[in-house]
Amino acid sequence: MVTVPQIEPVFQIEVSDLTTAIIVREHQKSLMLRAWILSGLFFMALPGTLLGFSNLMAISAHHGLAFLPAAWMEGHGHAQMFGWIGSFILGIGFYSQPARDRSAIRIQLTCFVLWTSGVAMRWVANIYAWHWRSLFPISAGFELIVVLLFLAAASRHKLPESTQGKPPKLRMEPWMVSVLLGTAGLTAAVVFNFVECLNLATHGTLLSFPHALDQKYLVLLGWGFLVPVVWGFSARWLPAFLAIAKPDAQLIRVALCLDLMGVLCGVAGLSKPATILLASSAVAIGLALHLTQRPHGRPKVQGIHPSFPSFIRVAYIWLVIAGSMSIWAAFADQHGGIWGASRHALTVGFAATMVFSIGPRILPHFGGIHSIFSKRLMFLSLLLLQLGCTLRVSSEPLAYEGLLPFAWWVLPVSGMLELSGVLLFAANLTLTFLLGRSAFAHAHA
């Protein structure tokens, strides 16, 4: 009698081992995402917003920028754009890539150490001028290496093919084009930053970029990197979150073309046509996303505050305000107040409101947590942010341009409101990751 070998238990063991390995890798990815987010929150709250508030107090006390070192302004901006927003985007980007083996986690850990070290060194160099001729190029080099490693890792991620034996789609969805355009903007920004930091370290006498060059750099960072990335994520997530129609693909392409042409004009120093193009792109993307249309169902607000859809729409109103004020600034600004208000409407009114709204919806889920720590803290942080940003954007042109001296006293109030909102958001998200119920822990139970 021939005995047939029993292979089923072996197969079950192999499947079990494979499942365990997948869970372990996903858990490691989740932990890395938490590290990116917590690092971003640190740079947002302390080197970013707290330094920005300190700068604003000094500006208000002296009624102008003359007594404030430009390096402090750049240190604040670098911590916000790279330390906060950059960390969030890189963390989500790495998390979305499949971790096939341990090398992917090691690469991400290396990138995390280099990125946080680079941002921290830049902040120390800008604020304390400690060995700045060495720290400037080293920090910029670290950030450039991280972006290149991220692009290399992303290039190995193949797009899924269509089913039923059909060839893969050659035309990418608009949201992917928008994210890729923003990624190209980030790459251009870190290359720009590295070249200019190297130039400052070898030939410069000050710890900051020349004003005209800095203006071009800010256009590249704001409208070339930040805006397209947020548009891409909006096109990807908002139809499901807000229960609205899918974005108009043609209008998204129009908005991206207008934005790209505006950025190119801005980098070339053509501020007037640049601002007109950028403001037009802001209107086009609002129409493309159908944000003014009534929802066809109930928005997905499980685990977050129900005001979420309203704040998303408010964020895109801020984007239109930012674009409109940039046109005003290009034609009438004399002392930097209108430009400053426009950039604040873009970075705080638009970008920060989007992060404060979507962050509590997606980041806990990506990090293996079921829901945000406190819905009330989410609402309060958004409310304080809106109040502070409204006061800042409305009073800054009046103060800087000498139209209403009392506006100088309003600026510190706006800063205090925004700082309170930022700290509440940071505390809420930190408590979520530290105390939240982990889905991975439940899987191992």
Protein backbone atom coordinates (compact mmCIF):
# COMPACT_ATOMS: atom_id res chain seq x y z
CA MET A 1 0.00 0.00 0.00
CA VAL A 2 1.37 3.34 -1.06
CA THR A 3 1.08 6.19 1.45
CA VAL A 4 0.39 9.61 0.00
CA PRO A 5 2.37 12.35 1.79
CA GLN A 6 0.32 14.91 3.67
CA ILE A 7 1.39 18.26 2.21
CA GLU A 8 -1.50 20.39 3.42
CA PRO A 9 -0.06 21.12 6.91
CA VAL A 10 3.26 22.17 5.35
CA PHE A 11 1.41 24.46 2.99
CA GLN A 12 -0.54 25.92 5.89
CA ILE A 13 2.68 26.56 7.80
CA GLU A 14 4.21 28.31 4.80
CA VAL A 15 1.11 30.45 4.34
CA SER A 16 1.11 31.25 8.05
CA ASP A 17 4.77 32.25 7.95
CA LEU A 18 4.16 34.39 4.88
CA THR A 19 1.19 36.10 6.52
CA THR A 20 3.21 36.77 9.65
CA ALA A 21 6.06 38.23 7.59
CA ILE A 22 3.63 40.53 5.77
CA ILE A 23 2.09 41.69 9.06
CA VAL A 24 5.55 42.34 10.52
CA ARG A 25 6.59 44.41 7.47
CA GLU A 26 3.36 46.39 7.55
CA HIS A 27 3.86 47.01 11.26
CA GLN A 28 7.40 48.26 10.57
CA LYS A 29 6.06 50.56 7.86
CA SER A 30 3.46 51.85 10.30
CA LEU A 31 6.11 52.56 12.94
CA MET A 32 8.24 54.40 10.38
CA LEU A 33 5.25 56.51 9.34
CA ARG A 34 4.65 57.40 12.99
CA ALA A 35 8.30 58.46 13.26
CA TRP A 36 7.97 60.71 10.18
CA ILE A 37 4.75 62.25 11.50
CA LEU A 38 6.04 62.84 15.03
CA SER A 39 9.22 64.40 13.61
CA GLY A 40 7.09 66.63 11.38
CA LEU A 41 4.98 67.68 14.36
CA PHE A 42 8.12 68.61 16.29
CA PHE A 43 9.45 70.80 13.49
CA MET A 44 6.00 72.30 12.98
CA ALA A 45 5.47 73.23 16.62
CA LEU A 46 8.90 74.32 17.88
CA PRO A 47 11.45 75.33 15.20
CA GLY A 48 8.59 76.28 12.88
CA THR A 49 5.58 77.92 14.50
CA LEU A 50 7.17 78.95 17.81
CA LEU A 51 10.05 80.64 15.98
CA GLY A 52 7.55 82.21 13.59
CA PHE A 53 5.61 83.61 16.53
CA SER A 54 8.83 84.98 18.04
CA ASN A 55 9.67 86.61 14.70
CA LEU A 56 6.19 88.12 14.50
CA MET A 57 6.49 89.59 18.00
CA ALA A 58 9.79 91.25 17.05
CA ILE A 59 8.32 92.60 13.80
CA SER A 60 5.29 94.00 15.64
CA ALA A 61 7.43 95.59 18.35
CA HIS A 62 9.66 97.39 15.82
CA HIS A 63 6.93 98.02 13.24
CA GLY A 64 8.89 96.39 10.43
CA LEU A 65 11.40 93.80 9.26
CA ALA A 66 14.50 95.96 9.58
CA PHE A 67 15.47 94.66 13.04
CA LEU A 68 14.85 90.99 12.28
CA PRO A 69 17.63 88.90 10.67
CA ALA A 70 16.54 87.41 7.35
CA ALA A 71 18.20 84.15 8.42
CA TRP A 72 15.63 83.76 11.19
CA MET A 73 12.80 84.10 8.68
CA GLU A 74 14.43 81.49 6.45
CA GLY A 75 15.01 79.17 9.42
CA HIS A 76 11.31 79.38 10.27
CA GLY A 77 10.27 78.77 6.66
CA HIS A 78 12.67 75.86 6.17
CA ALA A 79 11.43 74.13 9.33
CA GLN A 80 7.84 74.52 8.16
CA MET A 81 8.22 73.51 4.52
CA PHE A 82 10.85 70.78 4.86
CA GLY A 83 10.64 69.78 8.52
CA TRP A 84 6.84 69.68 8.72
CA ILE A 85 5.26 69.37 5.27
CA GLY A 86 8.24 67.55 3.76
CA SER A 87 8.33 64.99 6.57
CA PHE A 88 4.60 64.33 6.24
CA ILE A 89 4.77 63.87 2.46
CA LEU A 90 7.89 61.69 2.54
CA GLY A 91 6.39 59.56 5.31
CA ILE A 92 3.16 59.00 3.36
CA GLY A 93 5.15 58.43 0.17
CA PHE A 94 7.35 55.75 1.71
CA TYR A 95 4.35 54.16 3.40
CA SER A 96 2.51 53.85 0.08
CA GLN A 97 5.42 51.92 -1.45
CA PRO A 98 5.35 48.11 -0.99
CA ALA A 99 7.99 46.87 1.46
CA ARG A 100 9.06 43.63 -0.20
CA ASP A 101 12.08 43.02 2.03
CA ARG A 102 14.04 44.44 4.94
CA SER A 103 16.21 46.59 2.69
CA ALA A 104 13.25 48.87 1.97
CA ILE A 105 12.80 49.54 5.69
CA ARG A 106 16.55 50.17 6.09
CA ILE A 107 16.51 52.66 3.23
CA GLN A 108 13.56 54.47 4.76
CA LEU A 109 15.25 54.56 8.17
CA THR A 110 18.39 55.99 6.55
CA CYS A 111 16.29 58.63 4.81
CA PHE A 112 14.53 59.51 8.06
CA VAL A 113 17.83 60.04 9.90
CA LEU A 114 19.36 62.09 7.07
CA TRP A 115 16.25 64.22 6.56
CA THR A 116 15.64 65.09 10.22
CA SER A 117 19.37 65.72 10.74
CA GLY A 118 19.50 67.96 7.68
CA VAL A 119 16.52 70.06 8.72
CA ALA A 120 17.81 70.35 12.30
CA MET A 121 21.30 71.40 11.15
CA ARG A 122 19.84 74.05 8.86
CA TRP A 123 17.76 75.46 11.70
CA VAL A 124 20.79 75.60 14.03
CA ALA A 125 22.89 77.28 11.33
CA ASN A 126 20.22 79.89 10.55
CA ILE A 127 19.43 80.78 14.15
CA TYR A 128 22.78 80.44 15.93
CA ALA A 129 25.25 80.82 13.02
CA TRP A 130 27.18 77.89 14.50
CA HIS A 131 29.64 76.57 11.88
CA TRP A 132 27.16 77.71 9.26
CA ARG A 133 29.62 77.47 6.36
CA SER A 134 29.81 73.74 7.00
CA LEU A 135 26.24 73.08 8.13
CA PHE A 136 24.57 74.81 5.18
CA PRO A 137 25.95 72.54 2.43
CA ILE A 138 25.90 69.42 4.64
CA SER A 139 22.25 69.87 5.59
CA ALA A 140 21.26 70.67 2.01
CA GLY A 141 23.25 67.66 0.79
CA PHE A 142 21.45 65.37 3.25
CA GLU A 143 18.07 66.60 2.03
CA LEU A 144 19.06 66.15 -1.60
CA ILE A 145 20.24 62.58 -0.95
CA VAL A 146 16.95 61.73 0.73
CA VAL A 147 14.88 62.99 -2.20
CA LEU A 148 17.05 61.07 -4.67
CA LEU A 149 16.70 57.88 -2.59
CA PHE A 150 12.96 58.41 -2.40
CA LEU A 151 12.73 58.82 -6.18
CA ALA A 152 14.84 55.71 -6.70
CA ALA A 153 12.58 53.70 -4.39
CA ALA A 154 9.43 55.04 -6.05
CA SER A 155 10.75 54.22 -9.53
CA ARG A 156 10.88 50.52 -8.61
CA HIS A 157 7.19 50.54 -7.73
CA LYS A 158 5.35 49.26 -10.82
CA LEU A 159 1.87 50.47 -11.65
CA PRO A 160 -0.79 47.73 -11.51
CA GLU A 161 -1.89 46.31 -14.81
CA SER A 162 -5.52 46.19 -15.86
CA THR A 163 -7.42 42.96 -15.62
CA GLN A 164 -8.64 40.50 -18.26
CA GLY A 165 -5.36 40.42 -20.13
CA LYS A 166 -5.61 44.01 -21.34
CA PRO A 167 -2.45 46.09 -21.54
CA PRO A 168 -1.80 48.60 -18.75
CA LYS A 169 -3.14 52.09 -19.15
CA LEU A 170 -0.57 54.41 -20.65
CA ARG A 171 -2.29 57.58 -19.46
CA MET A 172 -1.95 58.33 -15.76
CA GLU A 173 -4.83 59.64 -13.74
CA PRO A 174 -4.80 63.41 -13.12
CA TRP A 175 -4.17 63.04 -9.39
CA MET A 176 -1.02 61.05 -10.11
CA VAL A 177 0.17 63.67 -12.60
CA SER A 178 -0.38 66.36 -9.96
CA VAL A 179 1.57 64.45 -7.29
CA LEU A 180 4.39 63.74 -9.76
CA LEU A 181 4.51 67.43 -10.70
CA GLY A 182 4.73 68.32 -7.01
CA THR A 183 7.49 65.74 -6.54
CA ALA A 184 9.38 67.32 -9.45
CA GLY A 185 8.92 70.67 -7.71
CA LEU A 186 10.36 69.24 -4.49
CA THR A 187 13.32 67.84 -6.41
CA ALA A 188 13.93 71.20 -8.09
CA ALA A 189 13.64 72.94 -4.71
CA VAL A 190 16.21 70.72 -2.95
CA VAL A 191 18.62 71.06 -5.89
CA PHE A 192 18.10 74.84 -5.83
CA ASN A 193 18.67 74.86 -2.06
CA PHE A 194 21.84 72.75 -2.30
CA VAL A 195 23.40 74.93 -5.01
CA GLU A 196 22.64 78.17 -3.18
CA CYS A 197 23.75 76.82 0.22
CA LEU A 198 27.02 75.75 -1.35
CA ASN A 199 27.37 79.19 -2.91
CA LEU A 200 26.68 80.91 0.42
CA ALA A 201 29.16 78.67 2.23
CA THR A 202 31.96 79.43 -0.22
CA HIS A 203 31.33 83.05 -1.23
CA GLY A 204 28.58 84.51 0.96
CA THR A 205 28.84 86.87 3.90
CA LEU A 206 25.26 86.53 5.18
CA LEU A 207 23.28 83.53 6.46
CA SER A 208 20.38 84.04 4.07
CA PHE A 209 19.59 84.04 0.37
CA PRO A 210 19.50 87.40 -1.41
CA HIS A 211 15.96 88.84 -1.38
CA ALA A 212 15.28 88.55 -5.12
CA LEU A 213 16.56 84.97 -5.18
CA ASP A 214 14.54 84.08 -2.10
CA GLN A 215 11.35 85.34 -3.76
CA LYS A 216 11.90 82.95 -6.68
CA TYR A 217 12.67 80.11 -4.26
CA LEU A 218 9.43 80.73 -2.37
CA VAL A 219 7.40 80.53 -5.59
CA LEU A 220 9.05 77.20 -6.38
CA LEU A 221 8.40 75.85 -2.88
CA GLY A 222 4.84 77.10 -2.55
CA TRP A 223 3.28 76.76 -5.98
CA GLY A 224 5.76 74.31 -7.50
CA PHE A 225 5.93 71.77 -4.68
CA LEU A 226 3.28 72.29 -2.02
CA VAL A 227 0.26 73.19 -4.14
CA PRO A 228 0.40 70.37 -6.75
CA VAL A 229 0.95 67.72 -4.06
CA VAL A 230 -2.09 68.91 -2.09
CA TRP A 231 -4.13 69.06 -5.30
CA GLY A 232 -3.17 65.49 -6.14
CA PHE A 233 -4.15 64.14 -2.73
CA SER A 234 -7.37 66.16 -2.90
CA ALA A 235 -8.31 64.69 -6.27
CA ARG A 236 -7.56 61.21 -4.93
CA TRP A 237 -9.36 61.37 -1.57
CA LEU A 238 -11.98 64.13 -1.54
CA PRO A 239 -14.59 62.46 -3.83
CA ALA A 240 -14.89 59.61 -1.31
CA PHE A 241 -14.47 61.71 1.83
CA LEU A 242 -16.92 64.48 0.84
CA ALA A 243 -19.33 62.34 -1.24
CA ILE A 244 -18.87 64.54 -4.31
CA ALA A 245 -18.43 63.76 -7.99
CA LYS A 246 -15.08 62.67 -9.35
CA PRO A 247 -12.84 65.56 -10.41
CA ASP A 248 -13.01 66.97 -13.92
CA ALA A 249 -9.83 65.53 -15.45
CA GLN A 250 -9.62 68.15 -18.19
CA LEU A 251 -9.95 71.04 -15.74
CA ILE A 252 -7.28 69.52 -13.48
CA ARG A 253 -4.89 69.45 -16.44
CA VAL A 254 -5.74 73.08 -17.19
CA ALA A 255 -5.08 74.03 -13.56
CA LEU A 256 -1.75 72.17 -13.59
CA CYS A 257 -0.68 73.85 -16.84
CA LEU A 258 -1.56 77.28 -15.46
CA ASP A 259 0.30 76.51 -12.22
CA LEU A 260 3.38 75.25 -14.07
CA MET A 261 3.50 78.30 -16.34
CA GLY A 262 3.03 80.56 -13.32
CA VAL A 263 5.91 78.90 -11.46
CA LEU A 264 8.19 79.18 -14.50
CA CYS A 265 7.34 82.89 -14.84
CA GLY A 266 7.92 83.40 -11.11
CA VAL A 267 11.32 81.71 -11.18
CA ALA A 268 12.19 83.84 -14.22
CA GLY A 269 11.34 86.99 -12.23
CA LEU A 270 8.16 87.84 -14.19
CA SER A 271 6.01 88.42 -11.13
CA LYS A 272 2.97 90.04 -12.75
CA PRO A 273 2.16 87.34 -15.33
CA ALA A 274 3.16 84.71 -12.77
CA THR A 275 0.59 85.86 -10.21
CA ILE A 276 -2.19 86.09 -12.79
CA LEU A 277 -1.48 82.54 -13.94
CA LEU A 278 -1.27 81.19 -10.38
CA ALA A 279 -4.51 82.89 -9.31
CA SER A 280 -6.24 81.46 -12.39
CA SER A 281 -4.99 77.98 -11.51
CA ALA A 282 -6.48 78.33 -8.01
CA VAL A 283 -9.92 79.08 -9.47
CA ALA A 284 -9.61 76.25 -12.01
CA ILE A 285 -8.74 73.60 -9.42
CA GLY A 286 -11.68 74.62 -7.22
CA LEU A 287 -14.03 74.09 -10.17
CA ALA A 288 -12.29 70.85 -11.17
CA LEU A 289 -12.79 69.31 -7.72
CA HIS A 290 -16.53 70.19 -7.67
CA LEU A 291 -16.21 71.76 -4.24
CA THR A 292 -19.13 74.12 -4.87
CA GLN A 293 -21.54 71.31 -5.78
CA ARG A 294 -23.87 69.66 -3.31
CA PRO A 295 -22.76 66.22 -2.10
CA HIS A 296 -24.61 63.20 -3.43
CA GLY A 297 -24.39 61.36 -0.11
CA ARG A 298 -23.12 61.61 3.44
CA PRO A 299 -19.46 62.60 3.88
CA LYS A 300 -17.21 60.07 5.59
CA VAL A 301 -16.57 61.70 8.95
CA GLN A 302 -16.21 58.55 11.05
CA GLY A 303 -13.62 59.09 13.77
CA ILE A 304 -13.25 62.83 13.08
CA HIS A 305 -15.23 66.02 13.71
CA PRO A 306 -18.26 66.47 11.42
CA SER A 307 -17.09 69.98 10.44
CA PHE A 308 -14.41 68.33 8.27
CA PRO A 309 -16.12 69.02 4.87
CA SER A 310 -16.60 72.71 5.68
CA PHE A 311 -12.95 73.27 6.56
CA ILE A 312 -11.85 71.53 3.34
CA ARG A 313 -13.86 74.06 1.34
CA VAL A 314 -12.54 76.92 3.48
CA ALA A 315 -8.99 75.81 2.63
CA TYR A 316 -9.64 76.21 -1.10
CA ILE A 317 -11.19 79.63 -0.48
CA TRP A 318 -7.87 80.56 1.13
CA LEU A 319 -6.07 79.33 -1.98
CA VAL A 320 -8.09 81.72 -4.16
CA ILE A 321 -7.42 84.52 -1.65
CA ALA A 322 -3.69 83.75 -1.79
CA GLY A 323 -3.66 83.91 -5.58
CA SER A 324 -5.72 87.13 -5.66
CA MET A 325 -3.53 88.85 -3.08
CA SER A 326 -0.41 87.86 -5.00
CA ILE A 327 -1.75 89.83 -8.00
CA TRP A 328 -2.35 92.80 -5.69
CA ALA A 329 1.17 92.45 -4.33
CA ALA A 330 2.77 92.25 -7.79
CA PHE A 331 1.18 95.56 -8.78
CA ALA A 332 1.07 97.53 -5.52
CA ASP A 333 3.28 96.11 -2.74
CA GLN A 334 5.84 98.58 -1.36
CA HIS A 335 7.01 97.18 1.99
CA GLY A 336 6.36 93.43 1.79
CA GLY A 337 3.07 93.36 3.68
CA ILE A 338 0.86 92.24 0.80
CA TRP A 339 3.35 89.61 -0.31
CA GLY A 340 3.59 88.34 3.25
CA ALA A 341 -0.19 88.15 3.60
CA SER A 342 -0.47 86.28 0.30
CA ARG A 343 2.13 83.70 1.33
CA HIS A 344 0.45 83.31 4.72
CA ALA A 345 -2.91 82.68 3.07
CA LEU A 346 -1.21 79.99 0.97
CA THR A 347 0.87 78.23 3.63
CA VAL A 348 -1.41 78.57 6.66
CA GLY A 349 -4.85 79.29 5.20
CA PHE A 350 -4.63 76.66 2.46
CA ALA A 351 -1.90 74.12 3.26
CA ALA A 352 -2.15 74.03 7.07
CA THR A 353 -5.96 73.91 6.98
CA MET A 354 -5.80 70.97 4.57
CA VAL A 355 -3.30 69.15 6.81
CA PHE A 356 -5.33 69.90 9.95
CA SER A 357 -8.48 68.59 8.19
CA ILE A 358 -7.26 65.55 6.24
CA GLY A 359 -4.48 64.60 8.65
CA PRO A 360 -6.80 63.37 11.43
CA ARG A 361 -8.76 61.44 8.79
CA ILE A 362 -5.93 59.51 7.13
CA LEU A 363 -2.80 59.57 9.32
CA PRO A 364 -4.20 57.47 12.20
CA HIS A 365 -5.45 54.91 9.66
CA PHE A 366 -2.07 54.77 7.92
CA GLY A 367 -0.36 54.42 11.28
CA GLY A 368 -2.51 51.47 12.32
CA ILE A 369 -4.74 53.52 14.68
CA HIS A 370 -8.53 53.38 14.58
CA SER A 371 -9.43 57.05 15.16
CA ILE A 372 -8.16 60.47 16.23
CA PHE A 373 -7.64 60.99 19.97
CA SER A 374 -10.14 63.88 20.31
CA LYS A 375 -12.68 65.21 17.80
CA ARG A 376 -13.16 68.36 19.87
CA LEU A 377 -9.45 69.14 19.81
CA MET A 378 -9.50 68.69 16.04
CA PHE A 379 -12.31 71.25 15.68
CA LEU A 380 -10.75 73.68 18.15
CA SER A 381 -7.35 73.57 16.43
CA LEU A 382 -8.97 74.30 13.06
CA LEU A 383 -11.10 77.10 14.50
CA LEU A 384 -8.12 78.80 16.16
CA LEU A 385 -6.11 78.44 12.95
CA GLN A 386 -8.85 80.13 10.91
CA LEU A 387 -9.27 83.00 13.37
CA GLY A 388 -5.53 83.62 13.55
CA CYS A 389 -5.02 83.40 9.79
CA THR A 390 -7.93 85.78 9.13
CA LEU A 391 -6.48 88.38 11.49
CA ARG A 392 -2.97 87.93 10.07
CA VAL A 393 -3.91 88.16 6.39
CA SER A 394 -6.23 91.13 6.91
CA SER A 395 -3.94 93.13 9.21
CA GLU A 396 -0.51 92.51 7.63
CA PRO A 397 -1.03 94.70 4.53
CA LEU A 398 -2.62 97.42 6.66
CA ALA A 399 0.33 97.43 9.08
CA TYR A 400 3.25 97.06 6.68
CA GLU A 401 1.91 99.54 4.14
CA GLY A 402 1.18 102.14 6.84
CA LEU A 403 -2.57 102.22 6.19
CA LEU A 404 -3.68 101.48 9.76
CA PRO A 405 -1.10 101.70 12.61
CA PHE A 406 -3.42 99.84 14.99
CA ALA A 407 -2.95 96.73 12.83
CA TRP A 408 0.53 96.28 14.35
CA TRP A 409 -1.20 95.37 17.62
CA VAL A 410 -3.41 92.81 15.87
CA LEU A 411 -0.49 90.79 14.48
CA PRO A 412 0.64 89.33 17.85
CA VAL A 413 -2.95 88.29 18.59
CA SER A 414 -3.12 86.46 15.27
CA GLY A 415 0.17 84.74 16.04
CA MET A 416 -1.02 83.62 19.46
CA LEU A 417 -4.22 82.15 18.00
CA GLU A 418 -2.31 80.26 15.31
CA LEU A 419 0.29 79.00 17.76
CA SER A 420 -2.47 77.70 20.03
CA GLY A 421 -4.11 75.91 17.10
CA VAL A 422 -0.83 74.36 16.01
CA LEU A 423 0.00 73.12 19.51
CA LEU A 424 -3.47 71.61 19.90
CA PHE A 425 -3.17 69.83 16.55
CA ALA A 426 0.29 68.53 17.44
CA ALA A 427 -0.88 67.35 20.87
CA ASN A 428 -3.97 65.66 19.43
CA LEU A 429 -2.04 63.76 16.78
CA THR A 430 0.80 62.87 19.17
CA LEU A 431 -1.66 61.46 21.71
CA THR A 432 -3.33 59.56 18.88
CA PHE A 433 -0.12 57.75 17.98
CA LEU A 434 1.02 57.24 21.57
CA LEU A 435 -2.27 56.17 23.14
CA GLY A 436 -4.39 55.06 20.19
CA ARG A 437 -5.60 51.53 19.76
CA SER A 438 -3.37 49.76 17.27
CA ALA A 439 -4.89 47.58 14.59
CA PHE A 440 -1.61 45.61 14.41
CA ALA A 441 -1.72 44.82 18.11
CA HIS A 442 -5.24 43.52 17.61
CA ALA A 443 -4.04 41.36 14.69
CA HIS A 444 -1.40 39.69 16.88
CA ALA A 445 -3.84 39.12 19.74
